[in-house]
Amino acid sequence: MHIAAALNVRTVSIFGSADPRIHRPWGKDHVVLQNQLECSPCYYPFFRDTLEETKQKNSWVGKKFECKTSDYRCLTSITVDQVVEAVEHIIRGS
């Protein structure tokens, strides 16, 4: 996504746990898909926090990031129809 954006290629980006305000592609003409859920975004990098504070805010178990609700609904709730609609939007250029 970031390489495409750097080359001025329009993208459809699917976000689950990551915050698109931080991780989205730069520039315009990109479509970001993320359903608004009470638990997402839940992954925050530790810009100002210590590693321990970041682990407490996120769902780190050992060295693995795990879903707090165990069902990854932030990703599974995004439908094929949403993705197709976003891609068609990019193709139409609107």
C-alpha atoms as a PDB file:
ATOM      1  CA  MET A   1       0.000   0.000   0.000  1.00  0.00           C
ATOM      2  CA  HIS A   2       2.746   2.485   0.896  1.00  0.00           C
ATOM      3  CA  ILE A   3       4.840   1.661  -2.164  1.00  0.00           C
ATOM      4  CA  ALA A   4       1.773   2.041  -4.384  1.00  0.00           C
ATOM      5  CA  ALA A   5       0.946   5.373  -2.747  1.00  0.00           C
ATOM      6  CA  ALA A   6       4.541   6.550  -3.198  1.00  0.00           C
ATOM      7  CA  LEU A   7       4.182   5.768  -6.912  1.00  0.00           C
ATOM      8  CA  ASN A   8       0.861   7.673  -7.079  1.00  0.00           C
ATOM      9  CA  VAL A   9      -1.151   4.491  -7.541  1.00  0.00           C
ATOM     10  CA  ARG A  10      -4.579   4.699  -5.933  1.00  0.00           C
ATOM     11  CA  THR A  11      -5.169   2.059  -3.278  1.00  0.00           C
ATOM     12  CA  VAL A  12      -7.889   0.336  -1.315  1.00  0.00           C
ATOM     13  CA  SER A  13      -6.523  -0.322   2.168  1.00  0.00           C
ATOM     14  CA  ILE A  14      -8.189  -2.632   4.669  1.00  0.00           C
ATOM     15  CA  PHE A  15      -7.584  -1.778   8.311  1.00  0.00           C
ATOM     16  CA  GLY A  16      -8.460  -3.873  11.319  1.00  0.00           C
ATOM     17  CA  SER A  17      -6.541  -3.316  14.532  1.00  0.00           C
ATOM     18  CA  ALA A  18      -4.223  -0.610  13.181  1.00  0.00           C
ATOM     19  CA  ASP A  19      -5.214   3.038  13.295  1.00  0.00           C
ATOM     20  CA  PRO A  20      -5.499   4.425   9.751  1.00  0.00           C
ATOM     21  CA  ARG A  21      -4.837   7.933  11.083  1.00  0.00           C
ATOM     22  CA  ILE A  22      -1.280   6.716  11.689  1.00  0.00           C
ATOM     23  CA  HIS A  23      -0.782   3.981   9.082  1.00  0.00           C
ATOM     24  CA  ARG A  24      -2.889   5.014   6.057  1.00  0.00           C
ATOM     25  CA  PRO A  25      -1.210   5.750   2.735  1.00  0.00           C
ATOM     26  CA  TRP A  26      -0.241   9.371   2.281  1.00  0.00           C
ATOM     27  CA  GLY A  27      -1.760  11.407  -0.472  1.00  0.00           C
ATOM     28  CA  LYS A  28      -5.222  11.572  -1.937  1.00  0.00           C
ATOM     29  CA  ASP A  29      -7.395   9.198  -3.938  1.00  0.00           C
ATOM     30  CA  HIS A  30      -6.996   6.307  -1.516  1.00  0.00           C
ATOM     31  CA  VAL A  31      -9.911   4.435  -0.013  1.00  0.00           C
ATOM     32  CA  VAL A  32      -9.579   3.216   3.566  1.00  0.00           C
ATOM     33  CA  LEU A  33     -11.916   0.487   4.766  1.00  0.00           C
ATOM     34  CA  GLN A  34     -12.377   0.097   8.496  1.00  0.00           C
ATOM     35  CA  ASN A  35     -15.638  -0.618  10.235  1.00  0.00           C
ATOM     36  CA  GLN A  36     -16.289   1.445  13.345  1.00  0.00           C
ATOM     37  CA  LEU A  37     -16.281  -0.970  16.265  1.00  0.00           C
ATOM     38  CA  GLU A  38     -16.026  -0.376  19.992  1.00  0.00           C
ATOM     39  CA  CYS A  39     -12.791  -2.358  20.115  1.00  0.00           C
ATOM     40  CA  SER A  40     -10.933  -0.933  17.141  1.00  0.00           C
ATOM     41  CA  PRO A  41      -8.493   0.406  16.433  1.00  0.00           C
ATOM     42  CA  CYS A  42      -6.747  -1.412  19.254  1.00  0.00           C
ATOM     43  CA  TYR A  43      -3.137  -1.474  18.065  1.00  0.00           C
ATOM     44  CA  TYR A  44      -1.138   1.597  18.923  1.00  0.00           C
ATOM     45  CA  PRO A  45       2.600   1.936  18.434  1.00  0.00           C
ATOM     46  CA  PHE A  46       4.512   3.201  21.431  1.00  0.00           C
ATOM     47  CA  PHE A  47       5.524   6.650  20.254  1.00  0.00           C
ATOM     48  CA  ARG A  48       5.603   8.115  23.747  1.00  0.00           C
ATOM     49  CA  ASP A  49       4.893   5.090  25.911  1.00  0.00           C
ATOM     50  CA  THR A  50       7.332   2.651  27.336  1.00  0.00           C
ATOM     51  CA  LEU A  51       7.219  -0.880  25.945  1.00  0.00           C
ATOM     52  CA  GLU A  52       5.414  -2.040  29.098  1.00  0.00           C
ATOM     53  CA  GLU A  53       2.761   0.688  28.749  1.00  0.00           C
ATOM     54  CA  THR A  54       2.256  -0.303  25.121  1.00  0.00           C
ATOM     55  CA  LYS A  55       1.810  -3.952  26.102  1.00  0.00           C
ATOM     56  CA  GLN A  56      -0.854  -2.925  28.618  1.00  0.00           C
ATOM     57  CA  LYS A  57      -2.768  -0.818  26.080  1.00  0.00           C
ATOM     58  CA  ASN A  58      -2.552  -3.442  23.355  1.00  0.00           C
ATOM     59  CA  SER A  59      -3.152  -7.160  23.402  1.00  0.00           C
ATOM     60  CA  TRP A  60       0.387  -8.424  23.557  1.00  0.00           C
ATOM     61  CA  VAL A  61       0.821 -11.953  24.855  1.00  0.00           C
ATOM     62  CA  GLY A  62       4.520 -12.593  25.046  1.00  0.00           C
ATOM     63  CA  LYS A  63       5.803 -11.370  21.677  1.00  0.00           C
ATOM     64  CA  LYS A  64       2.505 -11.981  19.876  1.00  0.00           C
ATOM     65  CA  PHE A  65      -0.287  -9.463  19.304  1.00  0.00           C
ATOM     66  CA  GLU A  66      -3.668 -11.087  19.928  1.00  0.00           C
ATOM     67  CA  CYS A  67      -7.242  -9.930  19.470  1.00  0.00           C
ATOM     68  CA  LYS A  68      -8.863  -8.828  22.737  1.00  0.00           C
ATOM     69  CA  THR A  69     -12.225 -10.263  21.661  1.00  0.00           C
ATOM     70  CA  SER A  70     -10.659 -13.379  20.072  1.00  0.00           C
ATOM     71  CA  ASP A  71     -12.768 -13.106  16.912  1.00  0.00           C
ATOM     72  CA  TYR A  72     -10.955 -10.411  14.886  1.00  0.00           C
ATOM     73  CA  ARG A  73     -14.303  -8.765  14.101  1.00  0.00           C
ATOM     74  CA  CYS A  74     -12.464  -5.663  12.922  1.00  0.00           C
ATOM     75  CA  LEU A  75     -11.409  -7.665   9.866  1.00  0.00           C
ATOM     76  CA  THR A  76     -14.152 -10.267   9.560  1.00  0.00           C
ATOM     77  CA  SER A  77     -16.836  -7.562   9.581  1.00  0.00           C
ATOM     78  CA  ILE A  78     -15.505  -6.066   6.333  1.00  0.00           C
ATOM     79  CA  THR A  79     -17.533  -7.628   3.551  1.00  0.00           C
ATOM     80  CA  VAL A  80     -16.637  -8.593   0.014  1.00  0.00           C
ATOM     81  CA  ASP A  81     -19.270  -6.108  -1.139  1.00  0.00           C
ATOM     82  CA  GLN A  82     -17.497  -3.283   0.714  1.00  0.00           C
ATOM     83  CA  VAL A  83     -14.202  -4.166  -0.965  1.00  0.00           C
ATOM     84  CA  VAL A  84     -15.783  -4.481  -4.423  1.00  0.00           C
ATOM     85  CA  GLU A  85     -17.527  -1.131  -3.983  1.00  0.00           C
ATOM     86  CA  ALA A  86     -14.245   0.511  -2.934  1.00  0.00           C
ATOM     87  CA  VAL A  87     -12.373  -0.967  -5.909  1.00  0.00           C
ATOM     88  CA  GLU A  88     -15.127   0.148  -8.291  1.00  0.00           C
ATOM     89  CA  HIS A  89     -14.894   3.634  -6.763  1.00  0.00           C
ATOM     90  CA  ILE A  90     -11.155   3.690  -7.511  1.00  0.00           C
ATOM     91  CA  ILE A  91     -11.676   2.397 -11.062  1.00  0.00           C
ATOM     92  CA  ARG A  92     -14.363   5.007 -11.792  1.00  0.00           C
ATOM     93  CA  GLY A  93     -12.032   7.659 -10.445  1.00  0.00           C
ATOM     94  CA  SER A  94     -14.799   9.236  -8.411  1.00  0.00           C
END
